[in-house]
C-alpha atoms as a PDB file:
ATOM      1  CA  MET A   1     118.009  94.378 109.078  1.00  0.00           C
ATOM      2  CA  LYS A   2     114.336  94.733 109.782  1.00  0.00           C
ATOM      3  CA  THR A   3     113.556  92.250 107.012  1.00  0.00           C
ATOM      4  CA  PHE A   4     115.875  89.654 108.556  1.00  0.00           C
ATOM      5  CA  LEU A   5     114.316  90.141 112.070  1.00  0.00           C
ATOM      6  CA  LEU A   6     110.770  89.832 110.523  1.00  0.00           C
ATOM      7  CA  GLY A   7     111.870  86.719 108.598  1.00  0.00           C
ATOM      8  CA  THR A   8     113.369  85.125 111.803  1.00  0.00           C
ATOM      9  CA  ALA A   9     110.254  85.883 113.769  1.00  0.00           C
ATOM     10  CA  VAL A  10     107.948  84.454 111.166  1.00  0.00           C
ATOM     11  CA  GLY A  11     110.148  81.358 110.776  1.00  0.00           C
ATOM     12  CA  TYR A  12     110.088  80.832 114.428  1.00  0.00           C
ATOM     13  CA  VAL A  13     106.349  81.134 114.697  1.00  0.00           C
ATOM     14  CA  LEU A  14     105.764  78.835 111.763  1.00  0.00           C
ATOM     15  CA  GLY A  15     108.395  76.272 112.820  1.00  0.00           C
ATOM     16  CA  ALA A  16     108.009  76.442 116.550  1.00  0.00           C
ATOM     17  CA  ARG A  17     107.608  73.052 118.179  1.00  0.00           C
ATOM     18  CA  ALA A  18     106.312  74.557 121.429  1.00  0.00           C
ATOM     19  CA  GLY A  19     102.760  74.036 120.254  1.00  0.00           C
ATOM     20  CA  ARG A  20      99.662  76.087 120.019  1.00  0.00           C
ATOM     21  CA  ALA A  21      99.961  77.666 123.377  1.00  0.00           C
ATOM     22  CA  ARG A  22     103.360  79.219 122.499  1.00  0.00           C
ATOM     23  CA  TYR A  23     101.926  80.438 119.119  1.00  0.00           C
ATOM     24  CA  GLU A  24      99.018  82.068 120.900  1.00  0.00           C
ATOM     25  CA  GLN A  25     101.341  83.822 123.412  1.00  0.00           C
ATOM     26  CA  ILE A  26     103.448  85.168 120.524  1.00  0.00           C
ATOM     27  CA  VAL A  27     100.424  86.497 118.733  1.00  0.00           C
ATOM     28  CA  ARG A  28      98.995  88.058 121.899  1.00  0.00           C
ATOM     29  CA  THR A  29     102.364  89.779 122.448  1.00  0.00           C
ATOM     30  CA  TYR A  30     102.516  90.999 118.860  1.00  0.00           C
ATOM     31  CA  ARG A  31      98.985  92.446 119.120  1.00  0.00           C
ATOM     32  CA  LYS A  32      99.817  94.239 122.419  1.00  0.00           C
ATOM     33  CA  VAL A  33     102.881  95.810 120.834  1.00  0.00           C
ATOM     34  CA  ALA A  34     101.200  96.586 117.577  1.00  0.00           C
ATOM     35  CA  ASP A  35      98.132  98.239 119.310  1.00  0.00           C
ATOM     36  CA  HIS A  36     100.254 100.330 121.720  1.00  0.00           C
ATOM     37  CA  PRO A  37      99.709 104.081 121.225  1.00  0.00           C
ATOM     38  CA  ALA A  38     103.356 104.795 120.880  1.00  0.00           C
ATOM     39  CA  VAL A  39     103.765 102.138 118.170  1.00  0.00           C
ATOM     40  CA  GLN A  40     100.630 103.495 116.346  1.00  0.00           C
ATOM     41  CA  GLY A  41     101.970 107.018 116.545  1.00  0.00           C
ATOM     42  CA  ALA A  42     105.338 105.868 115.092  1.00  0.00           C
ATOM     43  CA  ALA A  43     103.553 104.040 112.344  1.00  0.00           C
ATOM     44  CA  GLY A  44     101.520 107.091 111.520  1.00  0.00           C
ATOM     45  CA  VAL A  45     104.626 109.167 111.195  1.00  0.00           C
ATOM     46  CA  ALA A  46     106.271 106.577 109.084  1.00  0.00           C
ATOM     47  CA  ARG A  47     103.206 106.361 106.813  1.00  0.00           C
ATOM     48  CA  ALA A  48     103.223 110.127 106.493  1.00  0.00           C
ATOM     49  CA  LYS A  49     106.842 110.230 105.483  1.00  0.00           C
ATOM     50  CA  VAL A  50     106.473 107.390 102.957  1.00  0.00           C
ATOM     51  CA  GLY A  51     103.286 109.112 101.630  1.00  0.00           C
ATOM     52  CA  GLU A  52     105.312 112.295 101.079  1.00  0.00           C
ATOM     53  CA  LYS A  53     107.959 110.411  99.097  1.00  0.00           C
ATOM     54  CA  MET A  54     105.563 108.133  97.197  1.00  0.00           C
ATOM     55  CA  GLY A  55     102.671 110.506  96.629  1.00  0.00           C
ATOM     56  CA  ASP A  56      99.526 108.699  95.357  1.00  0.00           C
ATOM     57  CA  ARG A  57     101.478 105.887  93.666  1.00  0.00           C
ATOM     58  CA  VAL A  58     100.984 103.266  96.308  1.00  0.00           C
ATOM     59  CA  PRO A  59      97.705 102.991  98.409  1.00  0.00           C
ATOM     60  CA  PHE A  60      98.212 102.029 102.031  1.00  0.00           C
ATOM     61  CA  VAL A  61      96.441  99.148 103.729  1.00  0.00           C
ATOM     62  CA  ARG A  62      95.235  99.530 107.213  1.00  0.00           C
ATOM     63  CA  ALA A  63      94.998  96.556 109.686  1.00  0.00           C
ATOM     64  CA  THR A  64      91.707  96.727 111.705  1.00  0.00           C
ATOM     65  CA  HIS A  65      90.094  94.416 114.138  1.00  0.00           C
ATOM     66  CA  GLY A  66      86.873  92.662 113.044  1.00  0.00           C
ATOM     67  CA  THR A  67      84.048  91.988 115.398  1.00  0.00           C
ATOM     68  CA  ASP A  68      85.514  88.537 116.105  1.00  0.00           C
ATOM     69  CA  GLY A  69      88.823  90.139 117.311  1.00  0.00           C
ATOM     70  CA  GLN A  70      90.720  88.920 114.200  1.00  0.00           C
ATOM     71  CA  ARG A  71      92.704  91.398 112.129  1.00  0.00           C
ATOM     72  CA  SER A  72      91.625  92.139 108.601  1.00  0.00           C
ATOM     73  CA  SER A  73      92.973  94.359 105.862  1.00  0.00           C
ATOM     74  CA  GLU A  74      90.922  97.032 104.332  1.00  0.00           C
ATOM     75  CA  PRO A  75      92.118  99.400 101.633  1.00  0.00           C
ATOM     76  CA  ARG A  76      92.528 102.958 102.903  1.00  0.00           C
ATOM     77  CA  ALA A  77      90.340 105.534 101.250  1.00  0.00           C
ATOM     78  CA  THR A  78      92.284 107.586  98.684  1.00  0.00           C
ATOM     79  CA  GLN A  79      91.820 111.229  98.062  1.00  0.00           C
ATOM     80  CA  ALA A  80      90.306 112.165  94.669  1.00  0.00           C
END
């Protein structure tokens, strides 16, 4: 179900005819939601649970903000 919703959202953003202003509004809303402390906490819990199940088999990638405000992906440090 989540995959369907994500696909729908991506399809809307990529195919929207509302123009750049609507796209920017969607991106701003996404960033507000993604950066909200409650969402960050839930994501941390989810990462911890997946980490317990997967162990060290799959490294996580953490989204961060660069100095220009754009998100970038950095590999998360792994324990030796």
